[in-house]
PDB file of N, CA and C in Angstrom:
ATOM      1  N   MET A   1    -103.037  68.919 -44.607  1.00  0.00           N
ATOM      2  CA  MET A   1    -103.710  67.527 -43.917  1.00  0.00           C
ATOM      3  C   MET A   1    -102.492  66.527 -43.717  1.00  0.00           C
ATOM      4  N   LEU A   2    -102.907  65.841 -42.591  1.00  0.00           N
ATOM      5  CA  LEU A   2    -102.247  64.738 -42.377  1.00  0.00           C
ATOM      6  C   LEU A   2    -102.861  63.260 -42.648  1.00  0.00           C
ATOM      7  N   TYR A   3    -102.167  62.440 -42.812  1.00  0.00           N
ATOM      8  CA  TYR A   3    -102.439  61.111 -43.063  1.00  0.00           C
ATOM      9  C   TYR A   3    -101.608  59.943 -42.065  1.00  0.00           C
ATOM     10  N   ASN A   4    -102.211  58.699 -41.625  1.00  0.00           N
ATOM     11  CA  ASN A   4    -101.539  57.935 -40.745  1.00  0.00           C
ATOM     12  C   ASN A   4    -102.088  56.554 -41.265  1.00  0.00           C
ATOM     13  N   ALA A   5    -101.113  55.448 -40.515  1.00  0.00           N
ATOM     14  CA  ALA A   5    -101.577  54.311 -40.700  1.00  0.00           C
ATOM     15  C   ALA A   5    -100.910  53.463 -39.579  1.00  0.00           C
ATOM     16  N   LEU A   6    -101.586  52.221 -39.116  1.00  0.00           N
ATOM     17  CA  LEU A   6    -101.140  51.387 -37.911  1.00  0.00           C
ATOM     18  C   LEU A   6    -100.959  49.976 -38.480  1.00  0.00           C
ATOM     19  N   ILE A   7     -99.666  49.515 -38.423  1.00  0.00           N
ATOM     20  CA  ILE A   7     -99.089  48.404 -38.599  1.00  0.00           C
ATOM     21  C   ILE A   7     -99.144  47.303 -37.088  1.00  0.00           C
ATOM     22  N   ARG A   8     -99.223  46.052 -37.429  1.00  0.00           N
ATOM     23  CA  ARG A   8     -99.053  45.345 -36.007  1.00  0.00           C
ATOM     24  C   ARG A   8     -98.122  43.964 -36.671  1.00  0.00           C
ATOM     25  N   THR A   9     -97.124  43.950 -35.838  1.00  0.00           N
ATOM     26  CA  THR A   9     -96.306  42.388 -36.274  1.00  0.00           C
ATOM     27  C   THR A   9     -96.221  41.636 -35.296  1.00  0.00           C
ATOM     28  N   HIS A  10     -95.449  40.537 -35.332  1.00  0.00           N
ATOM     29  CA  HIS A  10     -95.085  39.421 -34.369  1.00  0.00           C
ATOM     30  C   HIS A  10     -94.257  40.015 -33.536  1.00  0.00           C
ATOM     31  N   HIS A  11     -92.843  40.585 -33.862  1.00  0.00           N
ATOM     32  CA  HIS A  11     -92.462  41.546 -33.189  1.00  0.00           C
ATOM     33  C   HIS A  11     -91.163  42.299 -33.929  1.00  0.00           C
ATOM     34  N   ILE A  12     -90.658  43.252 -33.389  1.00  0.00           N
ATOM     35  CA  ILE A  12     -89.447  43.929 -33.859  1.00  0.00           C
ATOM     36  C   ILE A  12     -88.377  43.998 -33.457  1.00  0.00           C
ATOM     37  N   THR A  13     -87.277  43.322 -33.654  1.00  0.00           N
ATOM     38  CA  THR A  13     -86.142  43.023 -32.809  1.00  0.00           C
ATOM     39  C   THR A  13     -84.892  43.257 -33.674  1.00  0.00           C
ATOM     40  N   SER A  14     -84.804  43.285 -35.290  1.00  0.00           N
ATOM     41  CA  SER A  14     -83.855  43.356 -35.887  1.00  0.00           C
ATOM     42  C   SER A  14     -83.075  44.661 -36.275  1.00  0.00           C
ATOM     43  N   ARG A  15     -82.168  44.804 -35.582  1.00  0.00           N
ATOM     44  CA  ARG A  15     -81.676  46.570 -35.865  1.00  0.00           C
ATOM     45  C   ARG A  15     -81.591  46.753 -37.215  1.00  0.00           C
ATOM     46  N   LYS A  16     -81.214  45.903 -38.316  1.00  0.00           N
ATOM     47  CA  LYS A  16     -80.972  46.060 -39.862  1.00  0.00           C
ATOM     48  C   LYS A  16     -82.390  46.509 -40.398  1.00  0.00           C
ATOM     49  N   LYS A  17     -83.380  45.776 -39.901  1.00  0.00           N
ATOM     50  CA  LYS A  17     -84.929  46.077 -40.030  1.00  0.00           C
ATOM     51  C   LYS A  17     -85.127  47.511 -39.789  1.00  0.00           C
ATOM     52  N   VAL A  18     -84.616  47.823 -38.295  1.00  0.00           N
ATOM     53  CA  VAL A  18     -85.140  48.993 -37.704  1.00  0.00           C
ATOM     54  C   VAL A  18     -84.397  50.472 -38.711  1.00  0.00           C
ATOM     55  N   ALA A  19     -83.106  50.118 -38.914  1.00  0.00           N
ATOM     56  CA  ALA A  19     -82.410  50.982 -39.895  1.00  0.00           C
ATOM     57  C   ALA A  19     -82.947  51.384 -41.102  1.00  0.00           C
ATOM     58  N   ALA A  20     -83.619  50.406 -41.853  1.00  0.00           N
ATOM     59  CA  ALA A  20     -84.064  50.288 -43.102  1.00  0.00           C
ATOM     60  C   ALA A  20     -85.292  50.999 -42.950  1.00  0.00           C
ATOM     61  N   LEU A  21     -86.400  51.097 -41.858  1.00  0.00           N
ATOM     62  CA  LEU A  21     -87.415  51.536 -41.332  1.00  0.00           C
ATOM     63  C   LEU A  21     -87.250  53.327 -41.359  1.00  0.00           C
ATOM     64  N   LYS A  22     -86.493  53.286 -40.574  1.00  0.00           N
ATOM     65  CA  LYS A  22     -85.902  54.934 -40.472  1.00  0.00           C
ATOM     66  C   LYS A  22     -85.187  55.329 -41.651  1.00  0.00           C
ATOM     67  N   ARG A  23     -84.562  54.968 -42.500  1.00  0.00           N
ATOM     68  CA  ARG A  23     -84.183  55.382 -44.074  1.00  0.00           C
ATOM     69  C   ARG A  23     -85.415  55.839 -44.809  1.00  0.00           C
ATOM     70  N   ALA A  24     -86.220  54.914 -44.665  1.00  0.00           N
ATOM     71  CA  ALA A  24     -87.834  54.873 -45.286  1.00  0.00           C
ATOM     72  C   ALA A  24     -88.645  55.990 -44.822  1.00  0.00           C
ATOM     73  N   ALA A  25     -88.160  56.278 -43.725  1.00  0.00           N
ATOM     74  CA  ALA A  25     -89.162  57.588 -42.931  1.00  0.00           C
ATOM     75  C   ALA A  25     -88.490  58.819 -43.622  1.00  0.00           C
ATOM     76  N   ASP A  26     -87.071  58.643 -43.423  1.00  0.00           N
ATOM     77  CA  ASP A  26     -86.501  59.993 -43.817  1.00  0.00           C
ATOM     78  C   ASP A  26     -86.606  59.855 -45.472  1.00  0.00           C
ATOM     79  N   ALA A  27     -86.804  59.376 -46.153  1.00  0.00           N
ATOM     80  CA  ALA A  27     -86.735  59.371 -47.635  1.00  0.00           C
ATOM     81  C   ALA A  27     -88.261  59.478 -47.890  1.00  0.00           C
ATOM     82  N   HIS A  28     -89.403  59.192 -47.099  1.00  0.00           N
ATOM     83  CA  HIS A  28     -90.622  59.571 -47.610  1.00  0.00           C
ATOM     84  C   HIS A  28     -90.966  60.491 -46.572  1.00  0.00           C
ATOM     85  N   GLN A  29     -90.144  61.287 -46.124  1.00  0.00           N
ATOM     86  CA  GLN A  29     -90.964  62.495 -45.172  1.00  0.00           C
ATOM     87  C   GLN A  29     -91.858  62.231 -43.938  1.00  0.00           C
ATOM     88  N   CYS A  30     -91.588  61.168 -43.543  1.00  0.00           N
ATOM     89  CA  CYS A  30     -92.889  60.557 -43.098  1.00  0.00           C
ATOM     90  C   CYS A  30     -92.430  60.548 -41.173  1.00  0.00           C
ATOM     91  N   PHE A  31     -93.152  60.577 -40.014  1.00  0.00           N
ATOM     92  CA  PHE A  31     -93.133  60.461 -38.963  1.00  0.00           C
ATOM     93  C   PHE A  31     -93.257  59.111 -38.610  1.00  0.00           C
ATOM     94  N   VAL A  32     -92.375  58.211 -37.763  1.00  0.00           N
ATOM     95  CA  VAL A  32     -93.044  56.790 -37.609  1.00  0.00           C
ATOM     96  C   VAL A  32     -92.500  56.470 -35.971  1.00  0.00           C
ATOM     97  N   LEU A  33     -93.538  55.852 -35.736  1.00  0.00           N
ATOM     98  CA  LEU A  33     -93.101  55.256 -34.293  1.00  0.00           C
ATOM     99  C   LEU A  33     -93.055  53.971 -34.096  1.00  0.00           C
ATOM    100  N   LEU A  34     -92.233  53.203 -33.287  1.00  0.00           N
ATOM    101  CA  LEU A  34     -92.192  51.865 -33.258  1.00  0.00           C
ATOM    102  C   LEU A  34     -92.130  51.555 -31.881  1.00  0.00           C
ATOM    103  N   ARG A  35     -92.919  50.438 -31.733  1.00  0.00           N
ATOM    104  CA  ARG A  35     -92.700  49.794 -30.237  1.00  0.00           C
ATOM    105  C   ARG A  35     -91.445  48.244 -30.802  1.00  0.00           C
ATOM    106  N   SER A  36     -90.275  48.450 -30.027  1.00  0.00           N
ATOM    107  CA  SER A  36     -89.778  47.199 -30.622  1.00  0.00           C
ATOM    108  C   SER A  36     -89.109  46.685 -29.657  1.00  0.00           C
ATOM    109  N   GLY A  37     -88.496  45.457 -29.864  1.00  0.00           N
ATOM    110  CA  GLY A  37     -87.541  44.510 -28.649  1.00  0.00           C
ATOM    111  C   GLY A  37     -88.758  43.448 -28.145  1.00  0.00           C
ATOM    112  N   GLY A  38     -89.684  43.123 -28.606  1.00  0.00           N
ATOM    113  CA  GLY A  38     -90.376  42.030 -28.264  1.00  0.00           C
ATOM    114  C   GLY A  38     -92.060  42.085 -28.963  1.00  0.00           C
ATOM    115  N   CYS A  39     -93.001  41.179 -28.423  1.00  0.00           N
ATOM    116  CA  CYS A  39     -93.986  40.996 -28.826  1.00  0.00           C
ATOM    117  C   CYS A  39     -94.938  41.918 -28.043  1.00  0.00           C
ATOM    118  N   PRO A  40     -95.925  42.306 -28.847  1.00  0.00           N
ATOM    119  CA  PRO A  40     -96.284  42.981 -30.549  1.00  0.00           C
ATOM    120  C   PRO A  40     -95.216  43.790 -31.030  1.00  0.00           C
ATOM    121  N   GLY A  41     -94.996  43.569 -32.221  1.00  0.00           N
ATOM    122  CA  GLY A  41     -94.248  44.871 -32.782  1.00  0.00           C
ATOM    123  C   GLY A  41     -95.480  45.871 -33.406  1.00  0.00           C
ATOM    124  N   ILE A  42     -95.187  46.975 -32.980  1.00  0.00           N
ATOM    125  CA  ILE A  42     -96.264  48.296 -33.336  1.00  0.00           C
ATOM    126  C   ILE A  42     -95.425  48.998 -34.041  1.00  0.00           C
ATOM    127  N   MET A  43     -96.034  49.636 -35.551  1.00  0.00           N
ATOM    128  CA  MET A  43     -95.852  50.670 -36.094  1.00  0.00           C
ATOM    129  C   MET A  43     -96.679  51.652 -36.122  1.00  0.00           C
ATOM    130  N   TYR A  44     -96.411  52.820 -35.907  1.00  0.00           N
ATOM    131  CA  TYR A  44     -97.502  54.387 -36.467  1.00  0.00           C
ATOM    132  C   TYR A  44     -96.672  54.698 -37.437  1.00  0.00           C
ATOM    133  N   VAL A  45     -97.196  55.297 -38.557  1.00  0.00           N
ATOM    134  CA  VAL A  45     -96.752  56.380 -39.351  1.00  0.00           C
ATOM    135  C   VAL A  45     -97.728  57.441 -39.765  1.00  0.00           C
ATOM    136  N   GLU A  46     -97.326  58.431 -40.005  1.00  0.00           N
ATOM    137  CA  GLU A  46     -97.757  59.790 -40.204  1.00  0.00           C
ATOM    138  C   GLU A  46     -97.159  60.405 -41.345  1.00  0.00           C
ATOM    139  N   GLY A  47     -97.952  61.227 -42.086  1.00  0.00           N
ATOM    140  CA  GLY A  47     -97.243  61.843 -43.310  1.00  0.00           C
ATOM    141  C   GLY A  47     -98.224  62.954 -43.987  1.00  0.00           C
ATOM    142  N   GLN A  48     -97.488  63.838 -44.504  1.00  0.00           N
ATOM    143  CA  GLN A  48     -98.459  64.989 -45.191  1.00  0.00           C
ATOM    144  C   GLN A  48     -99.150  64.631 -46.152  1.00  0.00           C
ATOM    145  N   ASP A  49     -98.930  63.462 -46.942  1.00  0.00           N
ATOM    146  CA  ASP A  49    -100.201  63.128 -48.034  1.00  0.00           C
ATOM    147  C   ASP A  49     -99.933  61.677 -47.874  1.00  0.00           C
ATOM    148  N   GLN A  50    -100.807  61.094 -48.438  1.00  0.00           N
ATOM    149  CA  GLN A  50    -101.668  59.765 -48.436  1.00  0.00           C
ATOM    150  C   GLN A  50    -100.484  58.854 -49.236  1.00  0.00           C
ATOM    151  N   SER A  51     -99.810  59.574 -50.177  1.00  0.00           N
ATOM    152  CA  SER A  51     -98.921  58.677 -51.016  1.00  0.00           C
ATOM    153  C   SER A  51     -97.699  58.578 -50.457  1.00  0.00           C
ATOM    154  N   ARG A  52     -97.370  59.326 -49.337  1.00  0.00           N
ATOM    155  CA  ARG A  52     -95.952  59.149 -48.874  1.00  0.00           C
ATOM    156  C   ARG A  52     -96.402  58.096 -47.594  1.00  0.00           C
ATOM    157  N   VAL A  53     -97.436  58.068 -46.878  1.00  0.00           N
ATOM    158  CA  VAL A  53     -97.712  56.866 -46.175  1.00  0.00           C
ATOM    159  C   VAL A  53     -97.562  55.666 -46.537  1.00  0.00           C
ATOM    160  N   GLU A  54     -98.716  55.655 -47.727  1.00  0.00           N
ATOM    161  CA  GLU A  54     -98.598  54.517 -48.514  1.00  0.00           C
ATOM    162  C   GLU A  54     -96.821  53.910 -49.198  1.00  0.00           C
ATOM    163  N   SER A  55     -96.511  54.749 -49.309  1.00  0.00           N
ATOM    164  CA  SER A  55     -94.976  54.188 -49.823  1.00  0.00           C
ATOM    165  C   SER A  55     -94.204  53.820 -48.769  1.00  0.00           C
ATOM    166  N   TRP A  56     -94.357  54.563 -47.521  1.00  0.00           N
ATOM    167  CA  TRP A  56     -93.799  53.757 -46.564  1.00  0.00           C
ATOM    168  C   TRP A  56     -94.180  52.342 -46.027  1.00  0.00           C
ATOM    169  N   VAL A  57     -95.481  52.444 -46.160  1.00  0.00           N
ATOM    170  CA  VAL A  57     -96.111  50.841 -45.717  1.00  0.00           C
ATOM    171  C   VAL A  57     -95.230  50.052 -46.596  1.00  0.00           C
ATOM    172  N   GLY A  58     -95.582  50.402 -48.130  1.00  0.00           N
ATOM    173  CA  GLY A  58     -94.819  49.393 -49.015  1.00  0.00           C
ATOM    174  C   GLY A  58     -93.275  49.038 -48.678  1.00  0.00           C
ATOM    175  N   GLU A  59     -92.843  49.773 -48.092  1.00  0.00           N
ATOM    176  CA  GLU A  59     -91.396  49.503 -47.636  1.00  0.00           C
ATOM    177  C   GLU A  59     -91.279  48.652 -46.487  1.00  0.00           C
ATOM    178  N   VAL A  60     -92.128  48.880 -45.803  1.00  0.00           N
ATOM    179  CA  VAL A  60     -92.436  48.039 -44.331  1.00  0.00           C
ATOM    180  C   VAL A  60     -92.537  46.455 -45.070  1.00  0.00           C
ATOM    181  N   ARG A  61     -93.370  46.367 -45.745  1.00  0.00           N
ATOM    182  CA  ARG A  61     -94.010  45.066 -46.475  1.00  0.00           C
ATOM    183  C   ARG A  61     -92.998  44.201 -46.984  1.00  0.00           C
ATOM    184  N   LYS A  62     -92.014  45.098 -47.871  1.00  0.00           N
ATOM    185  CA  LYS A  62     -90.936  44.611 -48.226  1.00  0.00           C
ATOM    186  C   LYS A  62     -89.979  43.883 -47.367  1.00  0.00           C
ATOM    187  N   LEU A  63     -89.869  43.998 -46.346  1.00  0.00           N
ATOM    188  CA  LEU A  63     -89.096  43.761 -45.341  1.00  0.00           C
ATOM    189  C   LEU A  63     -89.800  42.435 -44.510  1.00  0.00           C
ATOM    190  N   ARG A  64     -90.452  42.243 -44.768  1.00  0.00           N
ATOM    191  CA  ARG A  64     -91.435  40.812 -44.604  1.00  0.00           C
ATOM    192  C   ARG A  64     -91.334  40.337 -43.208  1.00  0.00           C
ATOM    193  N   TYR A  65     -92.169  41.017 -42.620  1.00  0.00           N
ATOM    194  CA  TYR A  65     -92.101  40.969 -41.216  1.00  0.00           C
ATOM    195  C   TYR A  65     -93.504  39.869 -40.814  1.00  0.00           C
ATOM    196  N   LYS A  66     -92.722  38.961 -40.007  1.00  0.00           N
ATOM    197  CA  LYS A  66     -93.907  37.947 -39.545  1.00  0.00           C
ATOM    198  C   LYS A  66     -94.966  38.426 -38.906  1.00  0.00           C
ATOM    199  N   ASP A  67     -96.121  37.437 -39.537  1.00  0.00           N
ATOM    200  CA  ASP A  67     -97.380  38.043 -38.917  1.00  0.00           C
ATOM    201  C   ASP A  67     -97.475  39.507 -39.409  1.00  0.00           C
ATOM    202  N   PHE A  68     -97.341  40.381 -40.331  1.00  0.00           N
ATOM    203  CA  PHE A  68     -97.424  41.544 -40.821  1.00  0.00           C
ATOM    204  C   PHE A  68     -98.799  41.734 -41.053  1.00  0.00           C
ATOM    205  N   GLN A  69     -99.401  42.668 -40.392  1.00  0.00           N
ATOM    206  CA  GLN A  69    -100.806  43.142 -40.460  1.00  0.00           C
ATOM    207  C   GLN A  69    -101.071  44.792 -40.637  1.00  0.00           C
ATOM    208  N   LEU A  70    -101.736  45.026 -41.846  1.00  0.00           N
ATOM    209  CA  LEU A  70    -101.886  46.484 -41.779  1.00  0.00           C
ATOM    210  C   LEU A  70    -103.397  46.501 -41.319  1.00  0.00           C
ATOM    211  N   VAL A  71    -103.241  47.130 -39.923  1.00  0.00           N
ATOM    212  CA  VAL A  71    -104.471  47.038 -39.124  1.00  0.00           C
ATOM    213  C   VAL A  71    -105.278  48.343 -39.424  1.00  0.00           C
ATOM    214  N   THR A  72    -104.891  49.554 -39.723  1.00  0.00           N
ATOM    215  CA  THR A  72    -105.487  50.498 -40.051  1.00  0.00           C
ATOM    216  C   THR A  72    -104.985  51.092 -41.426  1.00  0.00           C
ATOM    217  N   ARG A  73    -105.791  51.278 -42.637  1.00  0.00           N
ATOM    218  CA  ARG A  73    -104.840  51.406 -43.869  1.00  0.00           C
ATOM    219  C   ARG A  73    -104.750  52.847 -43.950  1.00  0.00           C
ATOM    220  N   PRO A  74    -104.094  53.391 -44.694  1.00  0.00           N
ATOM    221  CA  PRO A  74    -103.487  54.828 -44.673  1.00  0.00           C
ATOM    222  C   PRO A  74    -104.916  55.542 -45.004  1.00  0.00           C
ATOM    223  N   GLY A  75    -105.068  56.651 -44.313  1.00  0.00           N
ATOM    224  CA  GLY A  75    -106.263  57.286 -44.222  1.00  0.00           C
ATOM    225  C   GLY A  75    -105.967  58.919 -43.522  1.00  0.00           C
ATOM    226  N   LEU A  76    -107.067  59.769 -43.772  1.00  0.00           N
ATOM    227  CA  LEU A  76    -106.605  60.950 -43.459  1.00  0.00           C
ATOM    228  C   LEU A  76    -106.971  61.024 -41.705  1.00  0.00           C
ATOM    229  N   LEU A  77    -105.778  61.648 -41.029  1.00  0.00           N
ATOM    230  CA  LEU A  77    -105.807  62.032 -39.914  1.00  0.00           C
ATOM    231  C   LEU A  77    -106.994  62.672 -39.008  1.00  0.00           C
ATOM    232  N   VAL A  78    -107.619  61.959 -38.120  1.00  0.00           N
ATOM    233  CA  VAL A  78    -108.483  62.986 -37.551  1.00  0.00           C
ATOM    234  C   VAL A  78    -107.933  62.849 -35.984  1.00  0.00           C
ATOM    235  N   HIS A  79    -107.771  64.196 -35.238  1.00  0.00           N
ATOM    236  CA  HIS A  79    -107.289  64.502 -34.113  1.00  0.00           C
ATOM    237  C   HIS A  79    -108.305  64.272 -33.276  1.00  0.00           C
ATOM    238  N   GLU A  80    -108.303  63.605 -32.277  1.00  0.00           N
ATOM    239  CA  GLU A  80    -109.586  63.404 -31.311  1.00  0.00           C
ATOM    240  C   GLU A  80    -109.271  64.899 -30.174  1.00  0.00           C
ATOM    241  N   ALA A  81    -108.036  65.320 -30.049  1.00  0.00           N
ATOM    242  CA  ALA A  81    -108.398  66.440 -29.229  1.00  0.00           C
ATOM    243  C   ALA A  81    -108.313  67.649 -30.038  1.00  0.00           C
ATOM    244  N   THR A  82    -108.798  68.823 -29.486  1.00  0.00           N
ATOM    245  CA  THR A  82    -108.754  70.145 -30.132  1.00  0.00           C
ATOM    246  C   THR A  82    -107.542  70.989 -29.921  1.00  0.00           C
ATOM    247  N   ASP A  83    -106.695  70.586 -28.814  1.00  0.00           N
ATOM    248  CA  ASP A  83    -105.660  71.641 -28.607  1.00  0.00           C
ATOM    249  C   ASP A  83    -104.354  70.455 -29.092  1.00  0.00           C
ATOM    250  N   GLN A  84    -103.951  70.035 -30.456  1.00  0.00           N
ATOM    251  CA  GLN A  84    -102.953  69.686 -30.655  1.00  0.00           C
ATOM    252  C   GLN A  84    -101.804  70.223 -30.376  1.00  0.00           C
ATOM    253  N   SER A  85    -101.104  69.757 -29.434  1.00  0.00           N
ATOM    254  CA  SER A  85     -99.953  70.486 -29.462  1.00  0.00           C
ATOM    255  C   SER A  85     -98.467  69.715 -29.855  1.00  0.00           C
ATOM    256  N   THR A  86     -98.639  68.383 -30.339  1.00  0.00           N
ATOM    257  CA  THR A  86     -97.432  67.685 -30.714  1.00  0.00           C
ATOM    258  C   THR A  86     -97.140  68.066 -32.232  1.00  0.00           C
ATOM    259  N   LYS A  87     -95.941  68.669 -32.015  1.00  0.00           N
ATOM    260  CA  LYS A  87     -95.378  69.149 -33.603  1.00  0.00           C
ATOM    261  C   LYS A  87     -94.996  67.836 -34.567  1.00  0.00           C
ATOM    262  N   GLU A  88     -95.339  68.074 -35.844  1.00  0.00           N
ATOM    263  CA  GLU A  88     -94.967  67.242 -36.774  1.00  0.00           C
ATOM    264  C   GLU A  88     -93.554  67.239 -37.042  1.00  0.00           C
ATOM    265  N   ARG A  89     -93.373  65.961 -37.023  1.00  0.00           N
ATOM    266  CA  ARG A  89     -91.729  65.931 -37.389  1.00  0.00           C
ATOM    267  C   ARG A  89     -91.408  64.577 -38.213  1.00  0.00           C
ATOM    268  N   VAL A  90     -90.326  64.727 -38.916  1.00  0.00           N
ATOM    269  CA  VAL A  90     -89.804  63.512 -39.777  1.00  0.00           C
ATOM    270  C   VAL A  90     -88.870  62.588 -39.067  1.00  0.00           C
ATOM    271  N   GLY A  91     -88.983  61.207 -39.188  1.00  0.00           N
ATOM    272  CA  GLY A  91     -88.138  60.609 -38.738  1.00  0.00           C
ATOM    273  C   GLY A  91     -88.654  59.417 -37.843  1.00  0.00           C
ATOM    274  N   LEU A  92     -88.153  58.567 -37.474  1.00  0.00           N
ATOM    275  CA  LEU A  92     -88.477  57.675 -36.456  1.00  0.00           C
ATOM    276  C   LEU A  92     -87.985  57.448 -34.934  1.00  0.00           C
ATOM    277  N   SER A  93     -88.713  57.267 -34.115  1.00  0.00           N
ATOM    278  CA  SER A  93     -88.822  57.286 -32.589  1.00  0.00           C
ATOM    279  C   SER A  93     -89.075  55.866 -32.454  1.00  0.00           C
ATOM    280  N   GLU A  94     -88.339  55.260 -31.029  1.00  0.00           N
ATOM    281  CA  GLU A  94     -88.944  54.092 -30.592  1.00  0.00           C
ATOM    282  C   GLU A  94     -89.131  54.034 -29.453  1.00  0.00           C
ATOM    283  N   VAL A  95     -90.047  53.268 -28.982  1.00  0.00           N
ATOM    284  CA  VAL A  95     -90.405  52.549 -27.354  1.00  0.00           C
ATOM    285  C   VAL A  95     -90.325  51.632 -27.079  1.00  0.00           C
ATOM    286  N   GLU A  96     -90.512  50.945 -25.939  1.00  0.00           N
ATOM    287  CA  GLU A  96     -90.209  49.931 -25.764  1.00  0.00           C
ATOM    288  C   GLU A  96     -91.340  48.807 -24.952  1.00  0.00           C
ATOM    289  N   SER A  97     -92.359  49.851 -24.739  1.00  0.00           N
ATOM    290  CA  SER A  97     -93.357  48.899 -24.146  1.00  0.00           C
ATOM    291  C   SER A  97     -94.974  49.542 -24.748  1.00  0.00           C
ATOM    292  N   VAL A  98     -95.873  48.735 -24.619  1.00  0.00           N
ATOM    293  CA  VAL A  98     -96.964  48.897 -25.332  1.00  0.00           C
ATOM    294  C   VAL A  98     -97.799  50.241 -24.797  1.00  0.00           C
ATOM    295  N   LYS A  99     -97.512  50.154 -23.141  1.00  0.00           N
ATOM    296  CA  LYS A  99     -98.030  51.418 -22.289  1.00  0.00           C
ATOM    297  C   LYS A  99     -97.494  52.827 -23.214  1.00  0.00           C
ATOM    298  N   GLU A 100     -96.366  52.618 -23.426  1.00  0.00           N
ATOM    299  CA  GLU A 100     -95.183  53.861 -23.408  1.00  0.00           C
ATOM    300  C   GLU A 100     -96.201  54.336 -25.072  1.00  0.00           C
ATOM    301  N   PHE A 101     -96.101  53.405 -26.019  1.00  0.00           N
ATOM    302  CA  PHE A 101     -96.832  53.426 -27.063  1.00  0.00           C
ATOM    303  C   PHE A 101     -98.268  54.388 -27.041  1.00  0.00           C
ATOM    304  N   GLY A 102     -99.207  53.699 -26.401  1.00  0.00           N
ATOM    305  CA  GLY A 102    -100.399  54.447 -26.026  1.00  0.00           C
ATOM    306  C   GLY A 102    -100.048  55.992 -25.325  1.00  0.00           C
ATOM    307  N   SER A 103     -99.574  55.988 -24.806  1.00  0.00           N
ATOM    308  CA  SER A 103     -99.219  57.402 -24.312  1.00  0.00           C
ATOM    309  C   SER A 103     -98.715  58.309 -25.430  1.00  0.00           C
ATOM    310  N   CYS A 104     -97.917  57.759 -26.007  1.00  0.00           N
ATOM    311  CA  CYS A 104     -97.499  58.546 -27.432  1.00  0.00           C
ATOM    312  C   CYS A 104     -98.821  58.978 -28.158  1.00  0.00           C
ATOM    313  N   MET A 105     -99.743  57.807 -28.523  1.00  0.00           N
ATOM    314  CA  MET A 105    -100.674  57.987 -29.066  1.00  0.00           C
ATOM    315  C   MET A 105    -101.405  58.910 -28.605  1.00  0.00           C
ATOM    316  N   GLU A 106    -101.787  58.857 -27.160  1.00  0.00           N
ATOM    317  CA  GLU A 106    -102.529  59.972 -26.855  1.00  0.00           C
ATOM    318  C   GLU A 106    -102.044  61.373 -27.095  1.00  0.00           C
ATOM    319  N   ARG A 107    -100.711  61.457 -26.791  1.00  0.00           N
ATOM    320  CA  ARG A 107    -100.099  62.993 -26.681  1.00  0.00           C
ATOM    321  C   ARG A 107    -100.481  63.570 -28.195  1.00  0.00           C
ATOM    322  N   ARG A 108    -100.517  62.456 -29.147  1.00  0.00           N
ATOM    323  CA  ARG A 108    -100.389  62.820 -30.711  1.00  0.00           C
ATOM    324  C   ARG A 108    -101.773  62.964 -30.988  1.00  0.00           C
ATOM    325  N   GLY A 109    -103.041  62.958 -29.871  1.00  0.00           N
ATOM    326  CA  GLY A 109    -104.386  63.167 -30.288  1.00  0.00           C
ATOM    327  C   GLY A 109    -105.111  61.925 -30.898  1.00  0.00           C
ATOM    328  N   VAL A 110    -104.299  60.879 -30.877  1.00  0.00           N
ATOM    329  CA  VAL A 110    -105.144  59.411 -31.952  1.00  0.00           C
ATOM    330  C   VAL A 110    -105.297  57.909 -30.984  1.00  0.00           C
ATOM    331  N   TRP A 111    -105.670  58.672 -29.564  1.00  0.00           N
ATOM    332  CA  TRP A 111    -105.428  57.354 -28.664  1.00  0.00           C
ATOM    333  C   TRP A 111    -106.697  56.497 -29.034  1.00  0.00           C
ATOM    334  N   MET A 112    -107.845  57.036 -29.269  1.00  0.00           N
ATOM    335  CA  MET A 112    -109.121  55.979 -29.357  1.00  0.00           C
ATOM    336  C   MET A 112    -108.829  55.286 -30.978  1.00  0.00           C
ATOM    337  N   TRP A 113    -108.349  56.069 -31.725  1.00  0.00           N
ATOM    338  CA  TRP A 113    -108.245  55.377 -32.986  1.00  0.00           C
ATOM    339  C   TRP A 113    -107.268  54.308 -32.967  1.00  0.00           C
ATOM    340  N   TRP A 114    -106.189  54.422 -32.308  1.00  0.00           N
ATOM    341  CA  TRP A 114    -105.040  53.446 -31.877  1.00  0.00           C
ATOM    342  C   TRP A 114    -105.529  51.943 -31.367  1.00  0.00           C
ATOM    343  N   ARG A 115    -106.449  52.706 -30.152  1.00  0.00           N
ATOM    344  CA  ARG A 115    -107.124  51.172 -29.463  1.00  0.00           C
ATOM    345  C   ARG A 115    -108.143  50.819 -30.074  1.00  0.00           C
ATOM    346  N   LYS A 116    -109.040  51.719 -31.171  1.00  0.00           N
ATOM    347  CA  LYS A 116    -109.628  50.608 -32.031  1.00  0.00           C
ATOM    348  C   LYS A 116    -108.937  49.642 -33.333  1.00  0.00           C
ATOM    349  N   GLY A 117    -107.672  50.569 -33.696  1.00  0.00           N
ATOM    350  CA  GLY A 117    -107.030  49.419 -34.609  1.00  0.00           C
ATOM    351  C   GLY A 117    -106.382  48.217 -33.806  1.00  0.00           C
ATOM    352  N   MET A 118    -106.030  48.355 -32.687  1.00  0.00           N
ATOM    353  CA  MET A 118    -105.114  47.204 -32.088  1.00  0.00           C
ATOM    354  C   MET A 118    -106.192  46.232 -31.212  1.00  0.00           C
ATOM    355  N   GLY A 119    -107.602  46.522 -31.306  1.00  0.00           N
ATOM    356  CA  GLY A 119    -108.653  45.601 -31.095  1.00  0.00           C
ATOM    357  C   GLY A 119    -108.770  45.657 -29.550  1.00  0.00           C
ATOM    358  N   TYR A 120    -108.407  46.590 -28.898  1.00  0.00           N
ATOM    359  CA  TYR A 120    -108.398  47.234 -27.671  1.00  0.00           C
ATOM    360  C   TYR A 120    -109.966  47.981 -27.124  1.00  0.00           C
ATOM    361  N   ALA A 121    -110.610  48.128 -28.342  1.00  0.00           N
ATOM    362  CA  ALA A 121    -111.908  49.149 -27.856  1.00  0.00           C
ATOM    363  C   ALA A 121    -112.842  48.431 -28.962  1.00  0.00           C
TER     364      ALA A 121
END
């Protein structure tokens, strides 16, 4: 089973903080997707158990991001598509636009969940 969470911040620009997020993703064996480079900052985390996801979210809290909002608490991941082809992996990936982030969410089978969490639906 997989668990996920969604975080929104004012922005993600600090390369030091991004490096810390990458180390935390590797340490907690989570897949993390960031929308960095401007406003808004968006973080999606996915892991094999809830404690790993919660631990990664705890690391993000310690970094004291401006306007930190845990918009979707760590919970059981429910895929919207039946043919889930995206391989689960550990580590951090970055995208530069909200549109690109949304495309990644659609490919992972959590697009409507993401839209609801972001307040778009």
